[in-house]
Amino acid sequence: MNVPASLTSLGGDTAQRKALRYFNLFRLIVAVIFLVLGARIGLGFEAPRLFWFVALFYVATVLSLGFPDAENRIGFKRLIAIQGFVDMLILTVIMWTSGGYHSGIPALMMIVLAGSGMLTEGRIALFMAALATIGVLTENVWRTFANPDAADFFRVALACISFFIIAIVARLLAQRALTNASLAEARGIALARQQAINAHIIRDMHDGVIVLRADGIVRQANPSACLLLGMNHMEGRLLADTAPTLAEYCRAGVDKAGQLIQLGQTRHLLRCQVANRIGAVENDEGEDDVLIFLTDLEDIQRRMQQLKLVSLGRLTASMAHEIRNPLSAITQAAELLREEKRANTQTRLADIINDNARRIDRMIRDVLALSRRNRTQPEALPLMEFVTELFEASCLSGENEQVIFRADIEAGLTLGIDRAHLHQILDNLLSNARRYCSGKPGSIRVAAGNTVDGLVQVHVRDDGPGLDEQARAHLFEPFFTTHTKGTGLGLYIARELAEANGFDLELLDNDPECPGAHFILTGRSQP
C-alpha cells in the first residue's frame, strides 16, 4: 500500500519516537540484567572480567544514547544505526564469553533485530542482520578451531537465515503499521475539520437542532433552538425543566412527519420532528442520543406572505400595464365615434371597443380563476364525453370547423379533477393550438391513456410551427405571449389550475418529425 510522504511524515515521526523510547527501556532492562544477574544465569563464565566490563559498557551506552538530546545531536536515523551496531557488537562479545551459540544470545539478537527493524529503513535493518550473521559465524568459526566438537554449523546457519527473515518481516510490518498510523492520523485531522464545519453549519442554521441524551438531558443545542424556546443556555439541563411539552412529545415516540407545537416563552408555533435514534459515537455511557429539529412555522408563514405580496405587486403592475393599452384604445375609439357621422366607420369603431372590452374581460376572468385556484371540487369526469363537448363548444362555425379536431381517448377513461378547472385548462390549450395550427383536418389532436404508474396522461398537440427555445423558456410565465392579441395569462393559469388539482402540465421538446406544440396533462383518474 503506497502512502504519500506527507502522510508518512505526519504520523510516522511521533509513532517511531514513541516506539524508540520503549525499545530503549527494553535495552536498559537487558543491560542491567547482564550486569547484575549475568553470572547467576550462566553468562560470561568463560571470561568473567570481560563480561562484566562489556555489561557495564552496555548500560552506559544505553543510558547515553537513550536521552532525548542524543537524538537531537545525532539524528533519528543515525541514532538507530549506532544503537543497532552497538547491540550486535556487545551481544556478539557476550555470546563469546558465555559459551557461544548454546548460550541463547542469538535468540536475543533476533529480538533486537525485530525491534530495530520496526524503527529503521530497510537497508539499515538488513545491515544489522548482516552484522549479527558475521558475529555469530565468526564466533562459531573461532570456536571450531578451539574445539572442533563444539561447532554446530547447521543451527548457526538456520539462525543466520532467521536474522534476515526477521529483519525483512519486521520492516514490512513496521511499514504497514506506520502507513495505518499515518492514514488514521490524517483521517482524524479530516474528521476534526469536518466536525468543525458541521458545528459551524449547525450553529448558523435557521432551524433549531437539539441533541438529547437518553436520560433527557440536553447534550447540545444550537443558538436557533435556544432562541425559539426562549432560553439562553440549554446544554447540560433537563429538557423536561426547560420545555416540558417538547419532552413529553419526545417520550411519546419517533415521528418523522413532525407535529405542530407551541413551545417556549415566545409561544411560537413550531414544527417538531424527532429523528431516528442516532448511535452515540462519543457517548461514554453507551446509550443512544435523540436528534430533534424545530422549525418556526410562523417565520415561514411570514416569508410566504411576503413572497405572495411581492408576487401580487408584480401581478398588479403587469395587469395595470396590460389593461392600460385596451383602455386607451377604447377611449380613443369612443371619442372618434362621437365625432364620426358615417355608419361604416361607426361600426368599425364599435368593433374596436367590443374587442378591447372582451380582452379586458378575459384578463379579469383569468385573474379571478387564479384567485379561486384552491377552491377545487374534483370529480371523476368521463374524458371522452368532456372533450367532445369542448370541441362542439369551440366550433361556432359548425361541422366544417370541427374537422380540425381529432380525439383518440380510451373508452371509459376518467380524470379526477375539478370540472371548471379542466374546462379552462383544455380551453386554453385548444385555443393556442387553434391559433397556430395549419387548419387541415386532424391538425389538432387530443389523446389520452393510462401510464404504467396508474396515472392518466392527456396529450394536446398541433401541426403548427412549434416554439423556439427562447419562447419555451418563458412560456408559463405570466403575461408572456407571442400573439399580439394574447393576454399572456392562459398557459400560466392553466399550469396553476393543474397544480391546484395535483396535476402536472408540461411542454415536450420539439419533435423534428412531427412539428408543433405538444402539451401533456398528467394526473390521477379518480379524485
Protein backbone atom coordinates (compact mmCIF):
# COMPACT_ATOMS: atom_id res chain seq x y z
CA MET A 1 0.00 0.00 0.00
CA ASN A 2 1.53 3.27 -1.17
CA VAL A 3 1.12 6.33 1.02
CA PRO A 4 2.24 9.86 0.22
CA ALA A 5 5.35 11.00 2.03
CA SER A 6 3.41 13.83 3.62
CA LEU A 7 1.13 11.36 5.32
CA THR A 8 4.02 9.13 6.38
CA SER A 9 5.87 12.00 7.99
CA LEU A 10 2.62 13.18 9.53
CA GLY A 11 2.18 10.20 11.81
CA GLY A 12 5.50 8.35 11.41
CA ASP A 13 7.75 10.61 13.47
CA THR A 14 5.51 10.55 16.52
CA ALA A 15 4.92 6.78 16.36
CA GLN A 16 8.61 5.96 15.77
CA ARG A 17 9.88 8.17 18.60
CA LYS A 18 7.37 6.63 20.98
CA ALA A 19 8.45 3.12 19.92
CA LEU A 20 12.11 4.09 20.34
CA ARG A 21 11.51 5.10 23.96
CA TYR A 22 10.03 1.70 24.74
CA PHE A 23 12.85 -0.06 22.87
CA ASN A 24 15.49 1.88 24.84
CA LEU A 25 13.72 0.83 28.03
CA PHE A 26 13.96 -2.80 26.87
CA ARG A 27 17.69 -2.34 26.12
CA LEU A 28 18.27 -0.85 29.57
CA ILE A 29 16.50 -3.76 31.28
CA VAL A 30 18.59 -6.29 29.32
CA ALA A 31 21.81 -4.42 30.09
CA VAL A 32 21.02 -4.25 33.83
CA ILE A 33 20.20 -7.97 33.85
CA PHE A 34 23.59 -8.69 32.24
CA LEU A 35 25.37 -6.51 34.81
CA VAL A 36 23.53 -7.68 37.94
CA LEU A 37 22.35 -11.22 37.21
CA GLY A 38 24.65 -12.32 34.39
CA ALA A 39 26.80 -14.68 36.44
CA ARG A 40 23.75 -16.21 38.14
CA ILE A 41 22.05 -17.12 34.88
CA GLY A 42 25.21 -18.70 33.43
CA LEU A 43 26.57 -15.87 31.30
CA GLY A 44 30.21 -14.75 31.00
CA PHE A 45 31.69 -17.82 32.67
CA GLU A 46 34.48 -18.11 30.07
CA ALA A 47 35.76 -14.52 30.65
CA PRO A 48 34.07 -13.03 33.73
CA ARG A 49 36.03 -9.77 33.83
CA LEU A 50 35.47 -9.07 30.14
CA PHE A 51 31.79 -9.91 30.52
CA TRP A 52 31.41 -7.54 33.48
CA PHE A 53 33.22 -4.76 31.62
CA VAL A 54 31.09 -5.26 28.48
CA ALA A 55 27.87 -5.34 30.54
CA LEU A 56 28.87 -2.11 32.30
CA PHE A 57 29.75 -0.54 28.96
CA TYR A 58 26.33 -1.66 27.60
CA VAL A 59 24.48 0.03 30.48
CA ALA A 60 26.46 3.24 29.98
CA THR A 61 25.90 3.20 26.22
CA VAL A 62 22.14 2.62 26.54
CA LEU A 63 21.87 5.47 29.03
CA SER A 64 23.96 7.87 26.96
CA LEU A 65 22.15 7.09 23.71
CA GLY A 66 18.71 6.93 25.28
CA PHE A 67 18.36 10.57 26.32
CA PRO A 68 16.31 12.87 24.04
CA ASP A 69 19.25 15.20 23.44
CA ALA A 70 21.16 12.32 21.81
CA GLU A 71 18.55 12.21 19.06
CA ASN A 72 18.80 15.96 18.59
CA ARG A 73 22.60 15.82 18.34
CA ILE A 74 22.95 12.70 16.20
CA GLY A 75 19.69 12.46 14.29
CA PHE A 76 16.98 9.82 14.46
CA LYS A 77 18.18 7.51 11.67
CA ARG A 78 21.85 7.75 12.64
CA LEU A 79 20.97 7.05 16.28
CA ILE A 80 19.08 3.88 15.32
CA ALA A 81 22.03 2.70 13.20
CA ILE A 82 24.58 3.38 16.00
CA GLN A 83 22.41 1.65 18.61
CA GLY A 84 21.96 -1.38 16.35
CA PHE A 85 25.69 -1.61 15.68
CA VAL A 86 26.46 -1.39 19.41
CA ASP A 87 23.80 -4.02 20.20
CA MET A 88 25.15 -6.52 17.69
CA LEU A 89 28.77 -5.94 18.77
CA ILE A 90 28.10 -6.26 22.51
CA LEU A 91 25.80 -9.28 22.11
CA THR A 92 28.47 -11.00 19.99
CA VAL A 93 31.12 -10.45 22.72
CA ILE A 94 28.71 -11.65 25.43
CA MET A 95 27.91 -14.74 23.33
CA TRP A 96 31.70 -15.43 23.00
CA THR A 97 32.19 -15.13 26.79
CA SER A 98 29.13 -17.28 27.53
CA GLY A 99 29.80 -20.46 25.59
CA GLY A 100 28.81 -19.47 22.07
CA TYR A 101 25.59 -20.29 20.22
CA HIS A 102 24.23 -22.51 23.01
CA SER A 103 24.09 -19.56 25.44
CA GLY A 104 20.83 -18.34 23.85
CA ILE A 105 22.26 -14.94 22.86
CA PRO A 106 21.33 -15.46 19.14
CA ALA A 107 17.67 -15.59 20.21
CA LEU A 108 18.17 -12.25 21.97
CA MET A 109 19.78 -10.94 18.77
CA MET A 110 16.62 -11.88 16.89
CA ILE A 111 14.54 -9.87 19.35
CA VAL A 112 16.82 -6.85 18.98
CA LEU A 113 16.69 -7.22 15.19
CA ALA A 114 12.90 -7.32 15.27
CA GLY A 115 12.75 -4.21 17.42
CA SER A 116 15.30 -2.35 15.30
CA GLY A 117 13.52 -3.43 12.10
CA MET A 118 10.37 -1.75 13.35
CA LEU A 119 12.23 1.55 13.58
CA THR A 120 14.80 1.63 10.76
CA GLU A 121 14.75 1.78 7.00
CA GLY A 122 15.03 -1.48 5.06
CA ARG A 123 18.74 -1.20 4.24
CA ILE A 124 19.76 -0.47 7.83
CA ALA A 125 17.74 -3.44 9.07
CA LEU A 126 19.49 -5.71 6.55
CA PHE A 127 22.85 -4.24 7.53
CA MET A 128 22.18 -5.09 11.18
CA ALA A 129 21.12 -8.63 10.17
CA ALA A 130 24.41 -8.94 8.28
CA LEU A 131 26.35 -7.77 11.37
CA ALA A 132 24.60 -10.36 13.51
CA THR A 133 25.32 -13.05 10.93
CA ILE A 134 29.01 -12.09 10.74
CA GLY A 135 29.29 -12.05 14.53
CA VAL A 136 27.65 -15.46 15.01
CA LEU A 137 29.59 -17.08 12.14
CA THR A 138 32.91 -15.57 13.30
CA GLU A 139 32.36 -16.74 16.88
CA ASN A 140 31.40 -20.22 15.66
CA VAL A 141 34.45 -20.46 13.34
CA TRP A 142 36.78 -19.39 16.18
CA ARG A 143 35.16 -21.97 18.45
CA THR A 144 35.65 -24.63 15.73
CA PHE A 145 39.37 -24.05 15.70
CA ALA A 146 39.50 -24.08 19.51
CA ASN A 147 37.27 -27.15 19.93
CA PRO A 148 36.02 -28.90 16.76
CA ASP A 149 33.33 -30.81 18.68
CA ALA A 150 31.69 -27.60 19.90
CA ALA A 151 30.75 -26.33 16.41
CA ASP A 152 27.18 -26.62 15.13
CA PHE A 153 27.08 -25.01 11.69
CA PHE A 154 23.59 -26.26 10.81
CA ARG A 155 21.89 -24.48 13.71
CA VAL A 156 24.09 -21.45 13.20
CA ALA A 157 23.09 -21.34 9.52
CA LEU A 158 19.40 -21.51 10.49
CA ALA A 159 19.94 -18.69 12.96
CA CYS A 160 21.68 -16.53 10.35
CA ILE A 161 18.87 -17.12 7.87
CA SER A 162 16.41 -16.23 10.61
CA PHE A 163 18.23 -12.94 11.16
CA PHE A 164 17.48 -11.79 7.61
CA ILE A 165 13.91 -13.11 7.61
CA ILE A 166 13.15 -11.36 10.90
CA ALA A 167 14.70 -8.10 9.68
CA ILE A 168 12.68 -8.14 6.45
CA VAL A 169 9.37 -9.17 8.07
CA ALA A 170 9.79 -6.69 10.93
CA ARG A 171 10.41 -3.87 8.48
CA LEU A 172 7.38 -4.81 6.34
CA LEU A 173 5.17 -4.96 9.41
CA ALA A 174 6.57 -1.68 10.65
CA GLN A 175 5.92 -0.04 7.28
CA ARG A 176 2.32 -1.29 7.30
CA ALA A 177 1.78 -0.14 10.87
CA LEU A 178 3.32 3.22 10.04
CA THR A 179 1.07 3.56 6.99
CA ASN A 180 -2.03 2.74 9.02
CA ALA A 181 -0.99 5.18 11.73
CA SER A 182 -0.40 7.90 9.15
CA LEU A 183 -3.76 7.30 7.50
CA ALA A 184 -5.52 7.20 10.85
CA GLU A 185 -3.96 10.49 11.89
CA ALA A 186 -4.74 12.09 8.52
CA ARG A 187 -8.33 10.88 8.69
CA GLY A 188 -8.54 12.09 12.26
CA ILE A 189 -7.49 15.56 11.12
CA ALA A 190 -10.00 15.43 8.25
CA LEU A 191 -12.71 14.26 10.64
CA ALA A 192 -11.90 17.07 13.06
CA ARG A 193 -12.15 19.59 10.23
CA GLN A 194 -15.45 18.09 9.07
CA GLN A 195 -16.80 18.21 12.61
CA ALA A 196 -15.77 21.86 12.86
CA ILE A 197 -17.57 22.60 9.59
CA ASN A 198 -20.67 20.72 10.73
CA ALA A 199 -20.64 22.56 14.05
CA HIS A 200 -20.39 25.87 12.20
CA ILE A 201 -23.28 24.92 9.90
CA ILE A 202 -25.46 23.74 12.79
CA ARG A 203 -24.65 26.88 14.76
CA ASP A 204 -25.75 29.11 11.88
CA MET A 205 -28.80 27.06 10.89
CA HIS A 206 -32.12 28.88 10.93
CA ASP A 207 -33.86 25.76 12.27
CA GLY A 208 -33.34 24.65 15.83
CA VAL A 209 -31.32 21.48 16.45
CA ILE A 210 -31.23 19.70 19.83
CA VAL A 211 -29.25 16.56 20.67
CA LEU A 212 -30.92 14.85 23.62
CA ARG A 213 -29.40 12.11 25.74
CA ALA A 214 -31.38 9.04 26.68
CA ASP A 215 -31.80 10.35 30.24
CA GLY A 216 -33.49 13.52 28.95
CA ILE A 217 -30.52 15.88 29.41
CA VAL A 218 -29.65 18.20 26.52
CA ARG A 219 -26.26 17.29 25.15
CA GLN A 220 -26.13 20.04 22.51
CA ALA A 221 -28.41 22.81 21.25
CA ASN A 222 -27.68 25.39 18.58
CA PRO A 223 -28.47 29.12 19.11
CA SER A 224 -31.63 28.92 16.98
CA ALA A 225 -33.11 26.26 19.29
CA CYS A 226 -32.35 28.38 22.36
CA LEU A 227 -33.90 31.41 20.67
CA LEU A 228 -37.07 29.53 19.64
CA LEU A 229 -37.51 28.17 23.17
CA GLY A 230 -36.65 31.50 24.81
CA MET A 231 -33.60 30.12 26.63
CA ASN A 232 -30.07 31.47 26.93
CA HIS A 233 -28.40 28.13 27.54
CA MET A 234 -29.67 24.55 27.36
CA GLU A 235 -26.62 22.24 27.41
CA GLY A 236 -26.48 20.05 30.47
CA ARG A 237 -30.04 20.89 31.56
CA LEU A 238 -33.01 18.55 31.74
CA LEU A 239 -35.33 19.06 28.79
CA ALA A 240 -38.39 18.44 30.99
CA ASP A 241 -37.44 21.52 33.03
CA THR A 242 -36.83 23.83 30.07
CA ALA A 243 -39.53 22.60 27.63
CA PRO A 244 -41.97 20.14 29.26
CA THR A 245 -44.23 19.91 26.21
CA LEU A 246 -41.31 19.06 23.93
CA ALA A 247 -40.00 16.48 26.41
CA GLU A 248 -43.42 14.82 26.56
CA TYR A 249 -43.59 14.74 22.78
CA CYS A 250 -40.15 13.12 22.57
CA ARG A 251 -41.15 10.46 25.09
CA ALA A 252 -44.22 9.66 23.01
CA GLY A 253 -42.08 8.19 20.24
CA VAL A 254 -40.37 8.94 16.95
CA ASP A 255 -42.45 10.94 14.48
CA LYS A 256 -40.80 11.52 11.13
CA ALA A 257 -43.63 13.69 9.84
CA GLY A 258 -43.38 16.11 12.75
CA GLN A 259 -46.05 17.79 14.85
CA LEU A 260 -47.12 21.40 15.37
CA ILE A 261 -46.49 22.55 18.94
CA GLN A 262 -46.45 25.91 20.65
CA LEU A 263 -43.25 25.98 22.69
CA GLY A 264 -41.11 28.33 24.73
CA GLN A 265 -41.79 31.63 26.35
CA THR A 266 -42.49 33.19 22.94
CA ARG A 267 -45.25 30.59 22.28
CA HIS A 268 -44.15 30.29 18.67
CA LEU A 269 -45.84 27.69 16.53
CA LEU A 270 -43.09 25.19 15.81
CA ARG A 271 -42.92 22.02 13.80
CA CYS A 272 -41.15 19.49 15.98
CA GLN A 273 -39.56 16.49 14.31
CA VAL A 274 -37.80 13.74 16.24
CA ALA A 275 -35.35 11.90 14.01
CA ASN A 276 -34.50 8.24 14.32
CA ARG A 277 -32.23 7.50 17.23
CA ILE A 278 -28.61 8.08 16.31
CA GLY A 279 -25.70 5.98 17.50
CA ALA A 280 -23.77 7.54 20.35
CA VAL A 281 -20.33 7.83 18.85
CA GLU A 282 -18.95 9.94 21.69
CA ASN A 283 -21.33 8.78 24.38
CA ASP A 284 -19.26 7.19 27.14
CA GLU A 285 -22.36 5.68 28.71
CA GLY A 286 -23.02 3.57 25.60
CA GLU A 287 -26.50 5.00 25.16
CA ASP A 288 -28.22 6.47 22.11
CA ASP A 289 -28.94 10.14 21.52
CA VAL A 290 -32.10 11.64 20.03
CA LEU A 291 -31.98 14.35 17.38
CA ILE A 292 -34.73 16.98 17.48
CA PHE A 293 -35.45 19.54 14.75
CA LEU A 294 -37.51 22.68 15.45
CA THR A 295 -38.87 24.77 12.57
CA ASP A 296 -40.50 28.15 13.18
CA LEU A 297 -43.68 27.93 11.08
CA GLU A 298 -44.68 31.47 11.91
CA ASP A 299 -41.49 32.75 10.35
CA ILE A 300 -42.09 30.55 7.30
CA GLN A 301 -45.63 31.87 7.03
CA ARG A 302 -44.32 35.44 7.23
CA ARG A 303 -41.86 34.73 4.45
CA MET A 304 -44.55 33.10 2.33
CA GLN A 305 -46.81 36.10 2.92
CA GLN A 306 -44.02 38.42 1.84
CA LEU A 307 -43.47 36.36 -1.30
CA LYS A 308 -47.20 36.45 -2.01
CA LEU A 309 -47.24 40.21 -1.57
CA VAL A 310 -44.28 40.59 -3.89
CA SER A 311 -45.93 38.34 -6.48
CA LEU A 312 -49.20 40.21 -6.08
CA GLY A 313 -47.39 43.51 -6.59
CA ARG A 314 -45.79 42.24 -9.78
CA LEU A 315 -49.10 40.84 -10.99
CA THR A 316 -50.90 44.11 -10.24
CA ALA A 317 -48.24 46.14 -12.03
CA SER A 318 -48.36 43.85 -15.04
CA MET A 319 -52.17 43.95 -15.12
CA ALA A 320 -52.18 47.72 -14.90
CA HIS A 321 -49.80 47.87 -17.83
CA GLU A 322 -51.81 45.33 -19.85
CA ILE A 323 -55.18 46.98 -19.13
CA ARG A 324 -53.90 50.46 -19.96
CA ASN A 325 -53.45 49.59 -23.65
CA PRO A 326 -57.02 48.37 -24.38
CA LEU A 327 -58.47 51.16 -22.24
CA SER A 328 -56.59 53.72 -24.30
CA ALA A 329 -57.92 52.12 -27.46
CA ILE A 330 -61.47 52.16 -26.08
CA THR A 331 -61.20 55.81 -25.04
CA GLN A 332 -59.81 56.88 -28.38
CA ALA A 333 -62.42 54.87 -30.29
CA ALA A 334 -65.23 56.36 -28.18
CA GLU A 335 -64.03 59.92 -28.91
CA LEU A 336 -63.83 59.20 -32.63
CA LEU A 337 -67.25 57.55 -32.52
CA ARG A 338 -68.70 60.73 -31.02
CA GLU A 339 -67.34 62.81 -33.91
CA GLU A 340 -67.86 60.33 -36.74
CA LYS A 341 -71.12 60.50 -38.74
CA ARG A 342 -70.58 57.70 -41.27
CA ALA A 343 -72.22 54.38 -40.41
CA ASN A 344 -69.43 52.07 -41.64
CA THR A 345 -66.79 53.94 -39.63
CA GLN A 346 -69.02 53.86 -36.56
CA THR A 347 -69.38 50.10 -36.93
CA ARG A 348 -65.58 49.64 -37.16
CA LEU A 349 -65.03 51.80 -34.07
CA ALA A 350 -67.71 49.88 -32.17
CA ASP A 351 -65.92 46.63 -33.07
CA ILE A 352 -62.68 48.05 -31.68
CA ILE A 353 -64.46 48.95 -28.45
CA ASN A 354 -66.03 45.50 -28.15
CA ASP A 355 -62.78 43.65 -28.90
CA ASN A 356 -60.79 45.54 -26.30
CA ALA A 357 -63.61 45.25 -23.75
CA ARG A 358 -63.64 41.48 -24.28
CA ARG A 359 -59.84 41.48 -23.90
CA ILE A 360 -60.13 43.22 -20.54
CA ASP A 361 -62.94 40.88 -19.51
CA ARG A 362 -60.86 37.83 -20.47
CA MET A 363 -57.91 39.13 -18.45
CA ILE A 364 -60.06 39.75 -15.40
CA ARG A 365 -61.67 36.32 -15.77
CA ASP A 366 -58.25 34.67 -15.84
CA VAL A 367 -57.11 36.54 -12.72
CA LEU A 368 -60.33 35.59 -10.92
CA ALA A 369 -59.74 31.96 -11.87
CA LEU A 370 -56.24 32.23 -10.43
CA SER A 371 -57.62 33.59 -7.14
CA ARG A 372 -60.00 30.60 -6.91
CA ARG A 373 -57.33 28.00 -7.69
CA ASN A 374 -57.56 26.43 -4.22
CA ARG A 375 -61.33 26.03 -4.36
CA THR A 376 -61.32 22.69 -6.10
CA GLN A 377 -64.21 20.23 -6.29
CA PRO A 378 -62.67 17.22 -8.04
CA GLU A 379 -64.85 14.57 -9.63
CA ALA A 380 -64.34 11.61 -11.94
CA LEU A 381 -65.03 13.19 -15.34
CA PRO A 382 -65.66 10.93 -18.38
CA LEU A 383 -62.86 12.24 -20.53
CA MET A 384 -64.19 11.32 -23.99
CA GLU A 385 -67.57 12.97 -23.41
CA PHE A 386 -65.96 16.03 -21.83
CA VAL A 387 -63.54 16.57 -24.75
CA THR A 388 -66.31 16.05 -27.31
CA GLU A 389 -68.46 18.71 -25.66
CA LEU A 390 -65.46 21.04 -25.55
CA PHE A 391 -64.90 20.53 -29.29
CA GLU A 392 -68.51 21.39 -30.03
CA ALA A 393 -68.39 24.50 -27.83
CA SER A 394 -65.17 25.67 -29.51
CA CYS A 395 -66.52 25.27 -33.07
CA LEU A 396 -69.06 28.03 -33.63
CA SER A 397 -68.98 27.59 -37.40
CA GLY A 398 -70.40 24.08 -37.36
CA GLU A 399 -69.13 20.75 -38.61
CA ASN A 400 -66.75 22.29 -41.15
CA GLU A 401 -64.67 23.70 -38.29
CA GLN A 402 -64.86 20.54 -36.18
CA VAL A 403 -62.81 18.53 -38.70
CA ILE A 404 -59.60 20.16 -37.47
CA PHE A 405 -60.08 18.42 -34.10
CA ARG A 406 -59.43 14.72 -33.58
CA ALA A 407 -59.84 12.77 -30.32
CA ASP A 408 -58.12 9.47 -29.53
CA ILE A 409 -59.21 8.62 -25.98
CA GLU A 410 -59.70 5.21 -24.42
CA ALA A 411 -63.32 4.35 -23.74
CA GLY A 412 -64.37 4.70 -20.11
CA LEU A 413 -61.28 6.72 -19.17
CA THR A 414 -61.92 9.23 -16.38
CA LEU A 415 -59.99 12.12 -14.91
CA GLY A 416 -60.23 13.11 -11.22
CA ILE A 417 -60.21 16.90 -11.47
CA ASP A 418 -62.40 19.96 -10.96
CA ARG A 419 -64.74 20.35 -13.94
CA ALA A 420 -64.37 24.13 -14.30
CA HIS A 421 -60.60 23.90 -13.96
CA LEU A 422 -60.28 21.16 -16.59
CA HIS A 423 -62.51 23.17 -18.91
CA GLN A 424 -60.27 26.22 -18.59
CA ILE A 425 -57.05 24.20 -18.94
CA LEU A 426 -58.13 22.42 -22.12
CA ASP A 427 -59.80 25.55 -23.49
CA ASN A 428 -56.52 27.45 -23.19
CA LEU A 429 -54.54 24.63 -24.80
CA LEU A 430 -57.02 24.21 -27.64
CA SER A 431 -57.20 27.97 -28.22
CA ASN A 432 -53.43 28.16 -28.63
CA ALA A 433 -53.39 25.08 -30.86
CA ARG A 434 -56.19 26.51 -33.00
CA ARG A 435 -54.31 29.79 -33.32
CA TYR A 436 -51.10 28.21 -34.68
CA CYS A 437 -52.28 25.02 -36.44
CA SER A 438 -52.49 24.65 -40.24
CA GLY A 439 -56.27 24.29 -40.26
CA LYS A 440 -56.19 20.97 -42.06
CA PRO A 441 -58.40 18.05 -40.93
CA GLY A 442 -56.92 16.48 -37.80
CA SER A 443 -54.39 19.28 -37.29
CA ILE A 444 -55.30 19.38 -33.56
CA ARG A 445 -55.20 16.03 -31.76
CA VAL A 446 -56.22 15.18 -28.22
CA ALA A 447 -55.17 11.73 -26.99
CA ALA A 448 -55.37 10.16 -23.55
CA GLY A 449 -54.44 6.89 -21.89
CA ASN A 450 -53.17 5.25 -18.75
CA THR A 451 -49.47 5.16 -17.79
CA VAL A 452 -47.53 2.34 -16.17
CA ASP A 453 -47.81 4.19 -12.85
CA GLY A 454 -51.61 4.10 -12.94
CA LEU A 455 -51.92 7.79 -13.87
CA VAL A 456 -53.72 9.35 -16.83
CA GLN A 457 -51.99 11.44 -19.48
CA VAL A 458 -53.85 13.83 -21.78
CA HIS A 459 -51.87 14.87 -24.89
CA VAL A 460 -52.78 18.04 -26.78
CA ARG A 461 -50.73 18.69 -29.91
CA ASP A 462 -50.99 20.61 -33.16
CA ASP A 463 -49.19 20.67 -36.50
CA GLY A 464 -48.06 24.27 -36.25
CA PRO A 465 -44.51 25.60 -36.48
CA GLY A 466 -43.77 24.87 -32.81
CA LEU A 467 -41.89 27.06 -30.34
CA ASP A 468 -38.33 28.26 -30.36
CA GLU A 469 -36.04 27.88 -27.36
CA GLN A 470 -36.48 31.46 -26.19
CA ALA A 471 -40.28 31.15 -26.15
CA ARG A 472 -40.16 27.77 -24.44
CA ALA A 473 -38.07 29.22 -21.59
CA HIS A 474 -40.76 31.81 -20.71
CA LEU A 475 -43.89 30.01 -21.90
CA PHE A 476 -45.51 29.52 -18.48
CA GLU A 477 -44.59 32.94 -17.12
CA PRO A 478 -47.45 35.39 -16.54
CA PHE A 479 -48.08 37.99 -19.27
CA PHE A 480 -45.69 36.32 -21.69
CA THR A 481 -47.29 35.91 -25.12
CA THR A 482 -46.21 35.51 -28.73
CA HIS A 483 -49.53 36.77 -30.09
CA THR A 484 -50.44 40.41 -30.45
CA LYS A 485 -53.93 39.91 -29.03
CA GLY A 486 -52.99 37.45 -26.29
CA THR A 487 -53.08 38.33 -22.59
CA GLY A 488 -50.14 36.09 -21.63
CA LEU A 489 -52.13 34.52 -18.78
CA GLY A 490 -53.61 31.46 -20.48
CA LEU A 491 -50.83 28.92 -20.04
CA TYR A 492 -49.79 30.42 -16.69
CA ILE A 493 -53.36 29.99 -15.38
CA ALA A 494 -53.56 26.50 -16.91
CA ARG A 495 -50.47 25.30 -15.05
CA GLU A 496 -51.60 26.91 -11.77
CA LEU A 497 -55.01 25.23 -12.01
CA ALA A 498 -53.37 21.90 -12.86
CA GLU A 499 -51.10 22.11 -9.81
CA ALA A 500 -54.06 23.10 -7.64
CA ASN A 501 -55.64 19.74 -8.55
CA GLY A 502 -52.41 17.80 -8.09
CA PHE A 503 -51.75 17.51 -11.82
CA ASP A 504 -48.68 18.31 -13.94
CA LEU A 505 -48.77 20.33 -17.14
CA GLU A 506 -45.63 20.33 -19.26
CA LEU A 507 -44.47 21.04 -22.79
CA LEU A 508 -42.47 18.34 -24.53
CA ASP A 509 -39.40 19.04 -26.62
CA ASN A 510 -39.79 19.74 -30.31
CA ASP A 511 -40.02 16.66 -32.50
CA PRO A 512 -38.40 17.21 -35.93
CA GLU A 513 -40.59 14.53 -37.49
CA CYS A 514 -43.79 15.94 -36.01
CA PRO A 515 -43.52 19.70 -35.56
CA GLY A 516 -45.90 21.67 -33.42
CA ALA A 517 -46.53 22.23 -29.73
CA HIS A 518 -47.13 19.10 -27.63
CA PHE A 519 -48.58 19.56 -24.13
CA ILE A 520 -49.15 16.76 -21.61
CA LEU A 521 -51.52 16.93 -18.64
CA THR A 522 -50.76 14.16 -16.14
CA GLY A 523 -52.86 13.23 -13.10
CA ARG A 524 -54.99 10.64 -11.39
CA SER A 525 -58.11 9.05 -12.81
CA GLN A 526 -60.15 9.35 -9.61
CA PRO A 527 -60.45 12.29 -7.17
